[in-house]
N, C-alpha and C. Protein backbone atom coordinates (compact mmCIF):
# COMPACT_ATOMS: atom_id res chain seq x y z
N UNK A 1 -17.77 -1.95 0.36
CA UNK A 1 -17.26 -2.80 1.44
C UNK A 1 -16.68 -1.90 2.50
N UNK A 2 -17.09 -2.09 3.72
CA UNK A 2 -16.58 -1.20 4.82
C UNK A 2 -15.19 -1.69 5.29
N UNK A 3 -14.56 -0.84 6.09
CA UNK A 3 -13.18 -1.05 6.49
C UNK A 3 -13.04 -2.36 7.36
N UNK A 4 -14.00 -2.62 8.22
CA UNK A 4 -13.92 -3.83 9.00
C UNK A 4 -13.91 -5.11 8.21
N UNK A 5 -14.75 -5.12 7.17
CA UNK A 5 -14.80 -6.27 6.29
C UNK A 5 -13.49 -6.43 5.47
N UNK A 6 -12.94 -5.26 4.99
CA UNK A 6 -11.68 -5.35 4.30
C UNK A 6 -10.56 -5.83 5.15
N UNK A 7 -10.54 -5.42 6.41
CA UNK A 7 -9.46 -5.94 7.33
C UNK A 7 -9.68 -7.43 7.57
N UNK A 8 -10.90 -7.83 7.77
CA UNK A 8 -11.13 -9.26 8.02
C UNK A 8 -10.77 -10.12 6.86
N UNK A 9 -11.08 -9.67 5.60
CA UNK A 9 -10.75 -10.45 4.44
C UNK A 9 -9.27 -10.49 4.24
N UNK A 10 -8.56 -9.35 4.42
CA UNK A 10 -7.11 -9.33 4.22
C UNK A 10 -6.37 -10.12 5.24
N UNK A 11 -6.70 -10.02 6.51
CA UNK A 11 -5.99 -10.78 7.56
C UNK A 11 -6.33 -12.28 7.46
N UNK A 12 -7.56 -12.57 7.05
CA UNK A 12 -8.01 -13.96 6.94
C UNK A 12 -7.31 -14.63 5.77
N UNK A 13 -7.13 -13.88 4.67
CA UNK A 13 -6.46 -14.42 3.48
C UNK A 13 -4.98 -14.63 3.75
N UNK A 14 -4.38 -13.80 4.50
CA UNK A 14 -2.98 -13.92 4.85
C UNK A 14 -2.78 -15.14 5.73
N UNK A 15 -3.63 -15.35 6.73
CA UNK A 15 -3.55 -16.47 7.62
C UNK A 15 -3.79 -17.75 6.86
N UNK A 16 -4.75 -17.75 5.94
CA UNK A 16 -4.98 -18.95 5.10
C UNK A 16 -3.79 -19.22 4.15
N UNK A 17 -3.24 -18.21 3.59
CA UNK A 17 -2.08 -18.33 2.74
C UNK A 17 -0.88 -18.96 3.53
N UNK A 18 -0.68 -18.48 4.74
CA UNK A 18 0.47 -18.97 5.54
C UNK A 18 0.24 -20.43 6.00
N UNK A 19 -1.03 -20.84 6.07
CA UNK A 19 -1.31 -22.22 6.47
C UNK A 19 -0.86 -23.24 5.41
N UNK A 20 -0.88 -22.82 4.17
CA UNK A 20 -0.47 -23.66 3.04
C UNK A 20 1.09 -23.81 2.94
N UNK A 21 1.81 -22.99 3.64
CA UNK A 21 3.27 -22.96 3.51
C UNK A 21 3.79 -23.83 4.64
N UNK A 22 4.79 -24.72 4.38
CA UNK A 22 5.38 -25.49 5.53
C UNK A 22 5.99 -24.56 6.53
N UNK A 23 5.92 -24.99 7.76
CA UNK A 23 6.38 -24.12 8.89
C UNK A 23 7.82 -23.60 8.74
N UNK A 24 8.69 -24.41 8.22
CA UNK A 24 10.07 -24.00 8.12
C UNK A 24 10.28 -22.90 7.07
N UNK A 25 9.31 -22.72 6.14
CA UNK A 25 9.38 -21.68 5.10
C UNK A 25 8.50 -20.49 5.39
N UNK A 26 7.71 -20.52 6.36
CA UNK A 26 6.71 -19.43 6.65
C UNK A 26 7.36 -18.09 7.00
N UNK A 27 8.64 -18.11 7.41
CA UNK A 27 9.32 -16.88 7.68
C UNK A 27 9.52 -15.99 6.50
N UNK A 28 9.69 -16.55 5.33
CA UNK A 28 9.96 -15.87 4.10
C UNK A 28 8.82 -14.93 3.65
N UNK A 29 7.60 -15.51 3.51
CA UNK A 29 6.48 -14.60 3.16
C UNK A 29 6.16 -13.63 4.32
N UNK A 30 6.32 -14.03 5.57
CA UNK A 30 6.07 -13.11 6.68
C UNK A 30 7.10 -12.00 6.62
N UNK A 31 8.32 -12.30 6.26
CA UNK A 31 9.32 -11.26 6.18
C UNK A 31 9.05 -10.30 5.03
N UNK A 32 8.52 -10.87 3.90
CA UNK A 32 8.15 -10.01 2.80
C UNK A 32 7.05 -9.05 3.17
N UNK A 33 6.06 -9.53 3.88
CA UNK A 33 4.96 -8.71 4.34
C UNK A 33 5.53 -7.56 5.29
N UNK A 34 6.38 -7.94 6.15
CA UNK A 34 6.98 -6.98 7.11
C UNK A 34 7.74 -5.92 6.34
N UNK A 35 8.58 -6.38 5.37
CA UNK A 35 9.38 -5.48 4.56
C UNK A 35 8.47 -4.51 3.79
N UNK A 36 7.33 -4.95 3.20
CA UNK A 36 6.40 -4.09 2.50
C UNK A 36 5.77 -3.05 3.45
N UNK A 37 5.48 -3.44 4.68
CA UNK A 37 4.93 -2.56 5.65
C UNK A 37 5.92 -1.43 5.95
N UNK A 38 7.18 -1.81 6.17
CA UNK A 38 8.20 -0.81 6.49
C UNK A 38 8.48 0.11 5.33
N UNK A 39 8.55 -0.43 4.12
CA UNK A 39 8.75 0.37 2.91
C UNK A 39 7.60 1.28 2.61
N UNK A 40 6.40 0.81 2.82
CA UNK A 40 5.24 1.68 2.51
C UNK A 40 5.12 2.82 3.51
N UNK A 41 5.70 2.65 4.73
CA UNK A 41 5.64 3.75 5.71
C UNK A 41 6.79 4.70 5.40
N UNK A 42 7.91 4.19 4.83
CA UNK A 42 9.06 5.07 4.59
C UNK A 42 9.07 5.77 3.25
N UNK A 43 8.39 5.19 2.28
CA UNK A 43 8.48 5.75 0.89
C UNK A 43 7.25 6.64 0.64
N UNK A 44 7.52 7.80 0.13
CA UNK A 44 6.45 8.71 -0.15
C UNK A 44 5.67 8.20 -1.44
N UNK A 45 4.36 8.32 -1.45
CA UNK A 45 3.61 7.78 -2.64
C UNK A 45 4.02 8.56 -3.89
N UNK A 46 4.09 7.83 -5.02
CA UNK A 46 4.48 8.49 -6.30
C UNK A 46 3.33 9.20 -6.93
N UNK A 47 3.64 10.03 -7.86
CA UNK A 47 2.65 10.76 -8.67
C UNK A 47 1.80 9.77 -9.46
N UNK A 48 0.53 10.07 -9.75
CA UNK A 48 -0.30 9.08 -10.52
C UNK A 48 0.26 8.69 -11.87
N UNK A 49 0.95 9.59 -12.57
CA UNK A 49 1.45 9.37 -13.90
C UNK A 49 2.83 8.61 -13.82
N UNK A 50 3.40 8.35 -12.67
CA UNK A 50 4.71 7.79 -12.47
C UNK A 50 4.68 6.31 -12.92
N UNK A 51 5.84 5.82 -13.38
CA UNK A 51 5.87 4.42 -13.73
C UNK A 51 5.97 3.51 -12.45
N UNK A 52 6.22 4.16 -11.30
CA UNK A 52 6.27 3.39 -10.03
C UNK A 52 4.95 3.22 -9.36
N UNK A 53 3.91 3.82 -9.88
CA UNK A 53 2.62 3.76 -9.25
C UNK A 53 2.14 2.29 -9.10
N UNK A 54 2.28 1.54 -10.15
CA UNK A 54 1.79 0.12 -10.09
C UNK A 54 2.56 -0.71 -9.05
N UNK A 55 3.84 -0.57 -9.08
CA UNK A 55 4.69 -1.27 -8.12
C UNK A 55 4.38 -0.85 -6.67
N UNK A 56 4.15 0.48 -6.46
CA UNK A 56 3.79 0.98 -5.16
C UNK A 56 2.47 0.42 -4.67
N UNK A 57 1.50 0.25 -5.58
CA UNK A 57 0.20 -0.26 -5.20
C UNK A 57 0.28 -1.72 -4.87
N UNK A 58 1.16 -2.50 -5.56
CA UNK A 58 1.37 -3.93 -5.22
C UNK A 58 2.01 -4.00 -3.88
N UNK A 59 2.92 -3.13 -3.60
CA UNK A 59 3.70 -3.14 -2.32
C UNK A 59 2.73 -2.81 -1.19
N UNK A 60 1.82 -1.83 -1.34
CA UNK A 60 0.93 -1.51 -0.27
C UNK A 60 -0.16 -2.61 -0.09
N UNK A 61 -0.51 -3.27 -1.20
CA UNK A 61 -1.45 -4.36 -1.06
C UNK A 61 -0.84 -5.56 -0.26
N UNK A 62 0.42 -5.87 -0.56
CA UNK A 62 1.10 -6.90 0.21
C UNK A 62 1.25 -6.50 1.66
N UNK A 63 1.38 -5.20 1.93
CA UNK A 63 1.54 -4.70 3.30
C UNK A 63 0.26 -4.74 4.09
N UNK A 64 -0.90 -4.91 3.32
CA UNK A 64 -2.20 -4.98 3.99
C UNK A 64 -2.71 -3.58 4.31
N UNK A 65 -2.29 -2.54 3.63
CA UNK A 65 -2.79 -1.18 3.90
C UNK A 65 -4.17 -1.05 3.26
N UNK A 66 -5.18 -1.12 4.22
CA UNK A 66 -6.59 -0.96 3.80
C UNK A 66 -7.19 0.09 4.72
N UNK A 67 -8.33 0.68 4.27
CA UNK A 67 -8.98 1.68 5.09
C UNK A 67 -8.17 2.87 5.36
N UNK A 68 -8.07 3.26 6.63
CA UNK A 68 -7.36 4.50 7.02
C UNK A 68 -5.86 4.32 6.83
N UNK A 69 -5.34 3.09 6.75
CA UNK A 69 -3.92 2.86 6.59
C UNK A 69 -3.47 3.01 5.13
N UNK A 70 -4.41 3.19 4.26
CA UNK A 70 -3.99 3.28 2.84
C UNK A 70 -3.20 4.47 2.55
N UNK A 71 -2.07 4.26 1.91
CA UNK A 71 -1.29 5.42 1.40
C UNK A 71 -1.82 5.79 0.00
N UNK A 72 -2.32 7.00 -0.08
CA UNK A 72 -2.91 7.43 -1.31
C UNK A 72 -1.87 7.94 -2.33
N UNK A 73 -2.09 7.77 -3.58
CA UNK A 73 -1.20 8.28 -4.60
C UNK A 73 -1.38 9.82 -4.61
N UNK A 74 -0.29 10.48 -4.64
CA UNK A 74 -0.30 11.95 -4.58
C UNK A 74 -0.95 12.53 -5.85
N UNK A 75 -1.82 13.55 -5.73
CA UNK A 75 -2.37 14.16 -6.87
C UNK A 75 -1.33 15.05 -7.49
N UNK A 76 -1.50 15.23 -8.79
CA UNK A 76 -0.58 16.16 -9.48
C UNK A 76 -0.79 17.59 -9.08
N UNK A 77 0.24 18.25 -8.66
CA UNK A 77 0.15 19.65 -8.22
C UNK A 77 -0.28 20.60 -9.35
N UNK A 78 -1.18 21.48 -9.13
CA UNK A 78 -1.59 22.42 -10.10
C UNK A 78 -0.52 23.55 -10.15
N UNK A 79 0.13 23.73 -11.31
CA UNK A 79 1.21 24.62 -11.39
C UNK A 79 0.74 26.04 -11.89
N UNK A 80 -0.53 26.18 -12.19
CA UNK A 80 -1.01 27.48 -12.59
C UNK A 80 -1.20 28.39 -11.42
N UNK A 81 -0.79 29.69 -11.59
CA UNK A 81 -0.99 30.59 -10.40
C UNK A 81 -2.50 30.93 -10.29
N UNK A 82 -2.92 31.30 -9.06
CA UNK A 82 -4.34 31.62 -8.90
C UNK A 82 -4.65 32.88 -9.82
N UNK A 83 -5.94 33.00 -10.20
CA UNK A 83 -6.29 34.07 -11.12
C UNK A 83 -6.04 35.47 -10.61
N UNK A 84 -6.08 35.70 -9.27
CA UNK A 84 -5.86 37.02 -8.71
C UNK A 84 -4.42 37.27 -8.33
N UNK A 85 -3.55 36.35 -8.59
CA UNK A 85 -2.10 36.52 -8.20
C UNK A 85 -1.41 37.46 -9.15
N UNK A 86 -0.51 38.31 -8.63
CA UNK A 86 0.20 39.20 -9.49
C UNK A 86 1.22 38.41 -10.35
N UNK A 87 1.43 38.93 -11.55
CA UNK A 87 2.37 38.20 -12.42
C UNK A 87 3.74 38.77 -12.45
């Protein structure tokens, strides 16, 4: 699925979701989405083996981070020295 389709599906589903909520309560899910956007921009992605990875992925999904906006989980750093490095 290309990025344009992902953006269309995610924004369309958010708009459809907000239509089912009474107008006086729509500020709460909108505030949650905005909070997730701000937190996903401020928090560095966890390591893949971290217990926070699942929660971080849920947060970025609620934030609507798709395509180029996706915050990728950091790869585990290779701690071995290069083969030609002095010991």
